[in-house]
C-alpha atoms as a PDB file:
ATOM      1  CA  MET A   1     119.006 122.997  82.017  1.00  0.00           C
ATOM      2  CA  SER A   2     120.974 119.861  82.829  1.00  0.00           C
ATOM      3  CA  GLU A   3     121.426 117.238  80.146  1.00  0.00           C
ATOM      4  CA  LEU A   4     118.972 114.341  80.292  1.00  0.00           C
ATOM      5  CA  PRO A   5     120.228 110.814  81.001  1.00  0.00           C
ATOM      6  CA  SER A   6     121.204 108.555  78.119  1.00  0.00           C
ATOM      7  CA  ILE A   7     117.856 106.724  78.231  1.00  0.00           C
ATOM      8  CA  ALA A   8     116.412 109.770  76.437  1.00  0.00           C
ATOM      9  CA  ASN A   9     118.248 108.870  73.226  1.00  0.00           C
ATOM     10  CA  ARG A  10     115.746 107.102  70.948  1.00  0.00           C
ATOM     11  CA  CYS A  11     114.008 105.229  73.741  1.00  0.00           C
ATOM     12  CA  LEU A  12     110.351 105.780  72.866  1.00  0.00           C
ATOM     13  CA  SER A  13     107.866 103.399  71.261  1.00  0.00           C
ATOM     14  CA  VAL A  14     104.558 105.019  70.297  1.00  0.00           C
ATOM     15  CA  VAL A  15     101.525 102.776  69.794  1.00  0.00           C
ATOM     16  CA  VAL A  16      98.845 104.332  67.567  1.00  0.00           C
ATOM     17  CA  PRO A  17      95.511 102.462  67.423  1.00  0.00           C
ATOM     18  CA  ALA A  18      93.523 103.641  64.411  1.00  0.00           C
ATOM     19  CA  TYR A  19      90.047 103.002  63.074  1.00  0.00           C
ATOM     20  CA  ASN A  20      88.805 105.123  60.166  1.00  0.00           C
ATOM     21  CA  GLU A  21      91.180 108.001  60.895  1.00  0.00           C
ATOM     22  CA  ALA A  22      92.175 108.850  57.313  1.00  0.00           C
ATOM     23  CA  ASP A  23      91.563 112.560  57.918  1.00  0.00           C
ATOM     24  CA  THR A  24      94.018 112.855  60.817  1.00  0.00           C
ATOM     25  CA  ILE A  25      96.457 109.908  60.922  1.00  0.00           C
ATOM     26  CA  GLU A  26      99.078 111.491  58.668  1.00  0.00           C
ATOM     27  CA  HIS A  27      99.114 114.719  60.689  1.00  0.00           C
ATOM     28  CA  VAL A  28      99.574 112.735  63.908  1.00  0.00           C
ATOM     29  CA  VAL A  29     102.453 110.722  62.467  1.00  0.00           C
ATOM     30  CA  GLU A  30     104.175 113.840  61.117  1.00  0.00           C
ATOM     31  CA  LYS A  31     104.181 115.314  64.621  1.00  0.00           C
ATOM     32  CA  LEU A  32     105.407 112.070  66.189  1.00  0.00           C
ATOM     33  CA  LEU A  33     108.332 111.878  63.776  1.00  0.00           C
ATOM     34  CA  GLN A  34     109.591 115.180  65.155  1.00  0.00           C
ATOM     35  CA  LEU A  35     110.069 113.794  68.679  1.00  0.00           C
ATOM     36  CA  PRO A  36     113.804 113.588  69.518  1.00  0.00           C
ATOM     37  CA  GLU A  37     113.209 110.558  71.770  1.00  0.00           C
ATOM     38  CA  LEU A  38     111.365 108.563  69.110  1.00  0.00           C
ATOM     39  CA  PHE A  39     112.555 105.019  68.435  1.00  0.00           C
ATOM     40  CA  GLU A  40     109.544 103.576  66.626  1.00  0.00           C
ATOM     41  CA  ILE A  41     105.891 104.132  65.774  1.00  0.00           C
ATOM     42  CA  ILE A  42     103.619 101.086  65.812  1.00  0.00           C
ATOM     43  CA  ILE A  43     100.361 101.760  63.955  1.00  0.00           C
ATOM     44  CA  VAL A  44      97.595  99.211  64.468  1.00  0.00           C
ATOM     45  CA  ASP A  45      94.845  99.570  61.871  1.00  0.00           C
ATOM     46  CA  ASP A  46      91.736  98.016  63.432  1.00  0.00           C
ATOM     47  CA  CYS A  47      90.220  96.994  60.082  1.00  0.00           C
ATOM     48  CA  SER A  48      89.447 100.511  58.879  1.00  0.00           C
ATOM     49  CA  THR A  49      87.063 100.870  55.953  1.00  0.00           C
ATOM     50  CA  ASP A  50      88.348 104.254  54.758  1.00  0.00           C
ATOM     51  CA  LYS A  51      91.823 105.068  53.395  1.00  0.00           C
ATOM     52  CA  THR A  52      93.632 104.631  56.733  1.00  0.00           C
ATOM     53  CA  ALA A  53      95.384 101.448  55.563  1.00  0.00           C
ATOM     54  CA  GLU A  54      96.581 103.057  52.332  1.00  0.00           C
ATOM     55  CA  ILE A  55      97.906 106.143  54.111  1.00  0.00           C
ATOM     56  CA  THR A  56      99.670 104.272  56.898  1.00  0.00           C
ATOM     57  CA  GLN A  57     101.334 101.845  54.527  1.00  0.00           C
ATOM     58  CA  ARG A  58     102.656 104.742  52.456  1.00  0.00           C
ATOM     59  CA  LEU A  59     104.050 106.339  55.614  1.00  0.00           C
ATOM     60  CA  ALA A  60     105.718 103.061  56.607  1.00  0.00           C
ATOM     61  CA  ASN A  61     107.349 102.829  53.185  1.00  0.00           C
ATOM     62  CA  GLN A  62     108.715 106.350  53.618  1.00  0.00           C
ATOM     63  CA  HIS A  63     110.004 106.017  57.200  1.00  0.00           C
ATOM     64  CA  SER A  64     111.896 103.034  58.589  1.00  0.00           C
ATOM     65  CA  SER A  65     110.808 103.900  62.148  1.00  0.00           C
ATOM     66  CA  ILE A  66     107.152 103.195  61.302  1.00  0.00           C
ATOM     67  CA  ARG A  67     105.648  99.717  61.402  1.00  0.00           C
ATOM     68  CA  VAL A  68     102.052  98.989  60.451  1.00  0.00           C
ATOM     69  CA  THR A  69      99.911  95.989  61.267  1.00  0.00           C
ATOM     70  CA  ARG A  70      96.245  95.445  60.423  1.00  0.00           C
ATOM     71  CA  HIS A  71      93.471  93.485  62.100  1.00  0.00           C
ATOM     72  CA  GLN A  72      91.359  91.364  59.797  1.00  0.00           C
ATOM     73  CA  LYS A  73      88.227  92.367  61.699  1.00  0.00           C
ATOM     74  CA  ASN A  74      87.337  95.351  63.848  1.00  0.00           C
ATOM     75  CA  SER A  75      88.132  94.328  67.422  1.00  0.00           C
ATOM     76  CA  GLY A  76      88.128  97.580  69.397  1.00  0.00           C
ATOM     77  CA  LYS A  77      90.731  99.883  70.878  1.00  0.00           C
ATOM     78  CA  THR A  78      91.943  97.540  73.608  1.00  0.00           C
ATOM     79  CA  GLU A  79      92.710  94.729  71.152  1.00  0.00           C
ATOM     80  CA  ALA A  80      94.558  97.192  68.953  1.00  0.00           C
ATOM     81  CA  LEU A  81      96.639  98.284  71.924  1.00  0.00           C
ATOM     82  CA  LYS A  82      97.422  94.688  72.882  1.00  0.00           C
ATOM     83  CA  THR A  83      98.655  94.039  69.359  1.00  0.00           C
ATOM     84  CA  GLY A  84     100.752  97.194  69.411  1.00  0.00           C
ATOM     85  CA  PHE A  85     102.289  96.658  72.847  1.00  0.00           C
ATOM     86  CA  ALA A  86     103.473  93.178  71.865  1.00  0.00           C
ATOM     87  CA  LEU A  87     105.379  94.655  68.925  1.00  0.00           C
ATOM     88  CA  THR A  88     107.161  97.414  70.853  1.00  0.00           C
ATOM     89  CA  ARG A  89     110.870  97.326  71.656  1.00  0.00           C
ATOM     90  CA  GLY A  90     111.447 100.713  73.313  1.00  0.00           C
ATOM     91  CA  GLU A  91     112.374 101.324  76.934  1.00  0.00           C
ATOM     92  CA  ILE A  92     109.370 103.638  77.199  1.00  0.00           C
ATOM     93  CA  VAL A  93     105.963 102.984  75.604  1.00  0.00           C
ATOM     94  CA  ILE A  94     103.200 105.563  75.166  1.00  0.00           C
ATOM     95  CA  VAL A  95      99.741 105.472  73.580  1.00  0.00           C
ATOM     96  CA  GLN A  96      98.862 108.078  70.943  1.00  0.00           C
ATOM     97  CA  ASP A  97      95.301 108.262  69.626  1.00  0.00           C
ATOM     98  CA  ALA A  98      95.087 108.869  65.885  1.00  0.00           C
ATOM     99  CA  ASP A  99      92.415 111.561  66.028  1.00  0.00           C
ATOM    100  CA  LEU A 100      94.463 114.610  67.134  1.00  0.00           C
ATOM    101  CA  GLU A 101      92.571 115.002  70.429  1.00  0.00           C
ATOM    102  CA  TYR A 102      95.986 114.721  72.073  1.00  0.00           C
ATOM    103  CA  ASP A 103      98.928 116.820  70.896  1.00  0.00           C
ATOM    104  CA  PRO A 104     102.225 114.905  70.399  1.00  0.00           C
ATOM    105  CA  ARG A 105     104.049 118.058  71.468  1.00  0.00           C
ATOM    106  CA  ASP A 106     103.021 117.127  75.032  1.00  0.00           C
ATOM    107  CA  ILE A 107     104.785 113.758  74.881  1.00  0.00           C
ATOM    108  CA  PRO A 108     108.241 114.965  76.031  1.00  0.00           C
ATOM    109  CA  SER A 109     106.730 116.319  79.249  1.00  0.00           C
ATOM    110  CA  VAL A 110     104.697 113.130  79.750  1.00  0.00           C
ATOM    111  CA  ILE A 111     107.678 110.794  79.463  1.00  0.00           C
ATOM    112  CA  ARG A 112     110.163 113.057  81.241  1.00  0.00           C
ATOM    113  CA  PRO A 113     109.526 111.626  84.766  1.00  0.00           C
ATOM    114  CA  ILE A 114     110.359 108.157  83.392  1.00  0.00           C
ATOM    115  CA  ILE A 115     113.463 109.409  81.604  1.00  0.00           C
ATOM    116  CA  GLU A 116     114.649 111.133  84.771  1.00  0.00           C
ATOM    117  CA  GLY A 117     114.184 107.918  86.742  1.00  0.00           C
ATOM    118  CA  SER A 118     111.401 109.220  88.994  1.00  0.00           C
ATOM    119  CA  ALA A 119     108.426 107.339  87.553  1.00  0.00           C
ATOM    120  CA  ASP A 120     107.475 103.933  86.204  1.00  0.00           C
ATOM    121  CA  VAL A 121     104.137 105.054  84.770  1.00  0.00           C
ATOM    122  CA  VAL A 122     102.935 108.551  83.809  1.00  0.00           C
ATOM    123  CA  TYR A 123      99.402 109.718  82.994  1.00  0.00           C
ATOM    124  CA  GLY A 124      98.786 112.946  81.114  1.00  0.00           C
ATOM    125  CA  SER A 125      95.881 114.628  82.886  1.00  0.00           C
ATOM    126  CA  ARG A 126      93.350 116.695  80.958  1.00  0.00           C
ATOM    127  CA  PHE A 127      92.233 118.278  84.237  1.00  0.00           C
ATOM    128  CA  LEU A 128      95.630 119.771  85.028  1.00  0.00           C
ATOM    129  CA  VAL A 129      95.505 122.067  81.990  1.00  0.00           C
ATOM    130  CA  ARG A 130      98.813 123.509  80.801  1.00  0.00           C
ATOM    131  CA  ARG A 131      98.019 125.264  77.513  1.00  0.00           C
ATOM    132  CA  ALA A 132      94.519 124.677  76.219  1.00  0.00           C
ATOM    133  CA  THR A 133      91.512 122.422  76.430  1.00  0.00           C
ATOM    134  CA  ARG A 134      88.470 122.448  74.215  1.00  0.00           C
ATOM    135  CA  VAL A 135      85.182 123.119  76.028  1.00  0.00           C
ATOM    136  CA  LEU A 136      82.777 120.261  75.259  1.00  0.00           C
ATOM    137  CA  TYR A 137      80.292 117.978  77.010  1.00  0.00           C
ATOM    138  CA  PHE A 138      79.546 118.720  80.680  1.00  0.00           C
ATOM    139  CA  TYR A 139      78.092 115.245  81.217  1.00  0.00           C
ATOM    140  CA  HIS A 140      81.311 113.677  79.932  1.00  0.00           C
ATOM    141  CA  TYR A 141      83.244 115.801  82.398  1.00  0.00           C
ATOM    142  CA  LEU A 142      81.033 114.638  85.284  1.00  0.00           C
ATOM    143  CA  ALA A 143      81.289 111.001  84.188  1.00  0.00           C
ATOM    144  CA  ASN A 144      85.090 111.203  83.945  1.00  0.00           C
ATOM    145  CA  LYS A 145      85.400 112.812  87.375  1.00  0.00           C
ATOM    146  CA  PHE A 146      83.065 110.292  89.026  1.00  0.00           C
ATOM    147  CA  LEU A 147      84.746 107.351  87.302  1.00  0.00           C
ATOM    148  CA  THR A 148      88.159 108.584  88.431  1.00  0.00           C
ATOM    149  CA  PHE A 149      86.838 109.056  91.970  1.00  0.00           C
ATOM    150  CA  THR A 150      85.424 105.515  92.013  1.00  0.00           C
ATOM    151  CA  SER A 151      88.691 104.086  90.681  1.00  0.00           C
ATOM    152  CA  ASN A 152      90.648 105.990  93.337  1.00  0.00           C
ATOM    153  CA  LEU A 153      88.473 104.498  96.089  1.00  0.00           C
ATOM    154  CA  PHE A 154      89.679 101.030  95.114  1.00  0.00           C
ATOM    155  CA  THR A 155      93.280 101.765  94.088  1.00  0.00           C
ATOM    156  CA  ASN A 156      93.989 104.276  96.880  1.00  0.00           C
ATOM    157  CA  LEU A 157      95.607 106.555  94.310  1.00  0.00           C
ATOM    158  CA  ASN A 158      94.877 110.276  93.975  1.00  0.00           C
ATOM    159  CA  MET A 159      94.559 110.331  90.204  1.00  0.00           C
ATOM    160  CA  THR A 160      92.735 113.181  88.463  1.00  0.00           C
ATOM    161  CA  ASP A 161      92.094 111.518  85.065  1.00  0.00           C
ATOM    162  CA  VAL A 162      92.119 107.723  84.695  1.00  0.00           C
ATOM    163  CA  GLU A 163      90.407 107.925  81.293  1.00  0.00           C
ATOM    164  CA  THR A 164      93.146 109.996  79.669  1.00  0.00           C
ATOM    165  CA  GLY A 165      94.481 108.730  76.365  1.00  0.00           C
ATOM    166  CA  TYR A 166      98.072 109.668  77.242  1.00  0.00           C
ATOM    167  CA  LYS A 167      99.577 106.894  79.332  1.00  0.00           C
ATOM    168  CA  ALA A 168     103.318 106.159  79.304  1.00  0.00           C
ATOM    169  CA  PHE A 169     105.015 103.106  80.802  1.00  0.00           C
ATOM    170  CA  ARG A 170     108.396 101.572  81.262  1.00  0.00           C
ATOM    171  CA  GLY A 171     108.351  99.076  78.428  1.00  0.00           C
ATOM    172  CA  GLU A 172     108.661  95.928  80.506  1.00  0.00           C
ATOM    173  CA  ILE A 173     105.619  96.886  82.586  1.00  0.00           C
ATOM    174  CA  ILE A 174     103.145  97.164  79.726  1.00  0.00           C
ATOM    175  CA  ARG A 175     104.651  94.300  77.700  1.00  0.00           C
ATOM    176  CA  ASN A 176     104.268  91.959  80.679  1.00  0.00           C
ATOM    177  CA  MET A 177     100.747  93.050  81.569  1.00  0.00           C
ATOM    178  CA  ILE A 178      97.953  90.555  80.856  1.00  0.00           C
ATOM    179  CA  ILE A 179      95.175  92.643  79.303  1.00  0.00           C
ATOM    180  CA  THR A 180      91.770  90.962  79.141  1.00  0.00           C
ATOM    181  CA  SER A 181      89.228  93.758  78.691  1.00  0.00           C
ATOM    182  CA  GLN A 182      87.683  94.759  75.380  1.00  0.00           C
ATOM    183  CA  GLY A 183      86.473  97.891  73.616  1.00  0.00           C
ATOM    184  CA  PHE A 184      87.446 100.957  75.659  1.00  0.00           C
ATOM    185  CA  GLY A 185      88.117  98.970  78.840  1.00  0.00           C
ATOM    186  CA  PHE A 186      91.890  99.384  78.736  1.00  0.00           C
ATOM    187  CA  GLU A 187      91.986 102.638  80.696  1.00  0.00           C
ATOM    188  CA  ILE A 188      90.352 101.186  83.811  1.00  0.00           C
ATOM    189  CA  GLU A 189      92.103  97.827  83.613  1.00  0.00           C
ATOM    190  CA  VAL A 190      95.599  99.250  83.282  1.00  0.00           C
ATOM    191  CA  THR A 191      95.032 101.664  86.160  1.00  0.00           C
ATOM    192  CA  ALA A 192      93.946  98.859  88.489  1.00  0.00           C
ATOM    193  CA  LYS A 193      96.890  96.683  87.502  1.00  0.00           C
ATOM    194  CA  VAL A 194      99.654  99.266  87.823  1.00  0.00           C
ATOM    195  CA  ALA A 195      98.185 100.143  91.224  1.00  0.00           C
ATOM    196  CA  LYS A 196      98.599  96.493  92.286  1.00  0.00           C
ATOM    197  CA  LEU A 197     102.217  96.678  91.173  1.00  0.00           C
ATOM    198  CA  LYS A 198     102.794  99.548  93.637  1.00  0.00           C
ATOM    199  CA  CYS A 199     105.094 101.267  91.191  1.00  0.00           C
ATOM    200  CA  ALA A 200     105.757 105.007  90.990  1.00  0.00           C
ATOM    201  CA  ILE A 201     102.878 106.668  89.118  1.00  0.00           C
ATOM    202  CA  TYR A 202     102.978 110.327  88.119  1.00  0.00           C
ATOM    203  CA  GLU A 203     100.531 112.715  86.464  1.00  0.00           C
ATOM    204  CA  VAL A 204     101.503 115.693  84.309  1.00  0.00           C
ATOM    205  CA  PRO A 205      99.250 118.348  82.733  1.00  0.00           C
ATOM    206  CA  ILE A 206      98.428 118.094  79.039  1.00  0.00           C
ATOM    207  CA  SER A 207      96.330 119.987  76.528  1.00  0.00           C
ATOM    208  CA  TYR A 208      93.188 118.392  75.118  1.00  0.00           C
ATOM    209  CA  TYR A 209      91.437 119.092  71.827  1.00  0.00           C
ATOM    210  CA  GLY A 210      88.346 116.900  72.087  1.00  0.00           C
ATOM    211  CA  ARG A 211      86.074 116.010  69.201  1.00  0.00           C
ATOM    212  CA  THR A 212      82.295 116.093  69.006  1.00  0.00           C
ATOM    213  CA  TYR A 213      80.354 113.020  67.904  1.00  0.00           C
ATOM    214  CA  GLU A 214      79.753 114.755  64.585  1.00  0.00           C
ATOM    215  CA  GLU A 215      83.526 115.019  64.175  1.00  0.00           C
ATOM    216  CA  GLY A 216      84.039 111.314  64.835  1.00  0.00           C
ATOM    217  CA  LYS A 217      84.183 110.750  68.593  1.00  0.00           C
ATOM    218  CA  LYS A 218      83.520 107.050  69.193  1.00  0.00           C
ATOM    219  CA  ILE A 219      83.121 106.386  72.930  1.00  0.00           C
ATOM    220  CA  GLY A 220      79.487 106.216  74.027  1.00  0.00           C
ATOM    221  CA  PHE A 221      77.144 105.872  77.000  1.00  0.00           C
ATOM    222  CA  PHE A 222      77.403 102.095  77.316  1.00  0.00           C
ATOM    223  CA  ASP A 223      81.209 102.299  77.281  1.00  0.00           C
ATOM    224  CA  GLY A 224      80.929 104.481  80.369  1.00  0.00           C
ATOM    225  CA  VAL A 225      78.573 102.052  82.097  1.00  0.00           C
ATOM    226  CA  GLU A 226      80.951  99.171  81.369  1.00  0.00           C
ATOM    227  CA  ALA A 227      83.861 101.182  82.764  1.00  0.00           C
ATOM    228  CA  PHE A 228      82.219 101.335  86.203  1.00  0.00           C
ATOM    229  CA  TRP A 229      81.771  97.560  86.201  1.00  0.00           C
ATOM    230  CA  LEU A 230      85.426  97.135  85.218  1.00  0.00           C
ATOM    231  CA  VAL A 231      86.514  99.202  88.223  1.00  0.00           C
ATOM    232  CA  PHE A 232      84.974  96.536  90.462  1.00  0.00           C
ATOM    233  CA  ARG A 233      86.127  93.622  88.323  1.00  0.00           C
ATOM    234  CA  PHE A 234      89.804  94.489  88.076  1.00  0.00           C
ATOM    235  CA  ASN A 235      90.201  95.834  91.596  1.00  0.00           C
ATOM    236  CA  LEU A 236      88.267  93.165  93.507  1.00  0.00           C
ATOM    237  CA  PHE A 237      88.451  90.035  91.364  1.00  0.00           C
ATOM    238  CA  CYS A 238      91.885  90.219  89.770  1.00  0.00           C
ATOM    239  CA  GLY A 239      95.124  89.639  91.690  1.00  0.00           C
ATOM    240  CA  LEU A 240      98.696  90.658  90.971  1.00  0.00           C
ATOM    241  CA  SER A 241      99.740  87.193  89.770  1.00  0.00           C
ATOM    242  CA  SER A 242      96.992  87.141  87.139  1.00  0.00           C
ATOM    243  CA  SER A 243      97.775  90.697  86.038  1.00  0.00           C
ATOM    244  CA  PHE A 244     101.325  90.136  84.735  1.00  0.00           C
ATOM    245  CA  ARG A 245     103.024  87.311  82.844  1.00  0.00           C
ATOM    246  CA  GLN A 246     106.194  88.154  84.702  1.00  0.00           C
ATOM    247  CA  LEU A 247     106.547  90.783  87.406  1.00  0.00           C
ATOM    248  CA  PRO A 248     108.603  93.688  86.044  1.00  0.00           C
ATOM    249  CA  GLN A 249     111.980  94.236  87.623  1.00  0.00           C
ATOM    250  CA  ARG A 250     112.317  96.995  90.161  1.00  0.00           C
ATOM    251  CA  ASN A 251     113.405 100.358  88.828  1.00  0.00           C
ATOM    252  CA  ASP A 252     116.990 100.326  90.072  1.00  0.00           C
ATOM    253  CA  ARG A 253     117.603 103.765  88.609  1.00  0.00           C
ATOM    254  CA  ARG A 254     114.752 105.304  90.608  1.00  0.00           C
ATOM    255  CA  GLU A 255     115.861 103.573  93.805  1.00  0.00           C
ATOM    256  CA  SER A 256     119.424 104.751  93.267  1.00  0.00           C
ATOM    257  CA  LEU A 257     118.253 108.341  92.838  1.00  0.00           C
ATOM    258  CA  ALA A 258     116.131 108.085  95.975  1.00  0.00           C
ATOM    259  CA  SER A 259     119.068 106.664  97.913  1.00  0.00           C
ATOM    260  CA  ASN A 260     121.320 109.507  96.755  1.00  0.00           C
ATOM    261  CA  GLU A 261     118.716 112.064  97.824  1.00  0.00           C
ATOM    262  CA  LEU A 262     118.498 110.503 101.274  1.00  0.00           C
ATOM    263  CA  GLU A 263     122.270 110.603 101.581  1.00  0.00           C
ATOM    264  CA  GLN A 264     122.312 114.269 100.655  1.00  0.00           C
ATOM    265  CA  ILE A 265     119.615 115.033 103.247  1.00  0.00           C
ATOM    266  CA  SER A 266     121.462 113.155 106.001  1.00  0.00           C
ATOM    267  CA  LYS A 267     124.713 115.057 105.379  1.00  0.00           C
END
């Protein structure tokens, strides 16, 4: 296997939103610390009432690559992500849920298209299964598929899983994005806005170890209803200029690779 480009050396910022995840947060962080590309872990404690704050602060004291910030009131996943994105410094930024539904061992394959210069944004799809997926709620599956289909109608993308928790970005894209949704609205909003940017979006297969509601799953029926409204809102009533503080620079590396490929074909 050829050696990866130099961007792969400590380029990755991982944003971990956490609310009452004392049972799993330490296990997630331990796995993240093993990533060779890791530059920093940003943990955003969304005013947890269990021992999440105590555990994450201990981890930050033990590892210089971990930074922890805490909301003074519970504000939802999207607000936690906004806080985390603003603190990142890495060339690549990925979201990691704190509940172990997503396996950090999949992260290298998720970020690889960005490292190689092919992609600007990568989604890890739960419906392109590579190793394993837990069998759970059929109605959730139908809702996810229909929501993705509806989103695709407006973005003209052929995504398979817009609601996935694994989304990786070139850092300047997500740090410049103006995020206005709340609760669990981030997934739909970010998809609409990267589509407006017309950047290179990839999907890769990931494993998924979903939780039941008894085990702590938080997203509910009304979150799904709101997501359909957000598809319309962010695709029809939100333009490119209001989606980004500053338009990210073009990916010169990707364009250079594409140019080289064309030259090789023409020879």
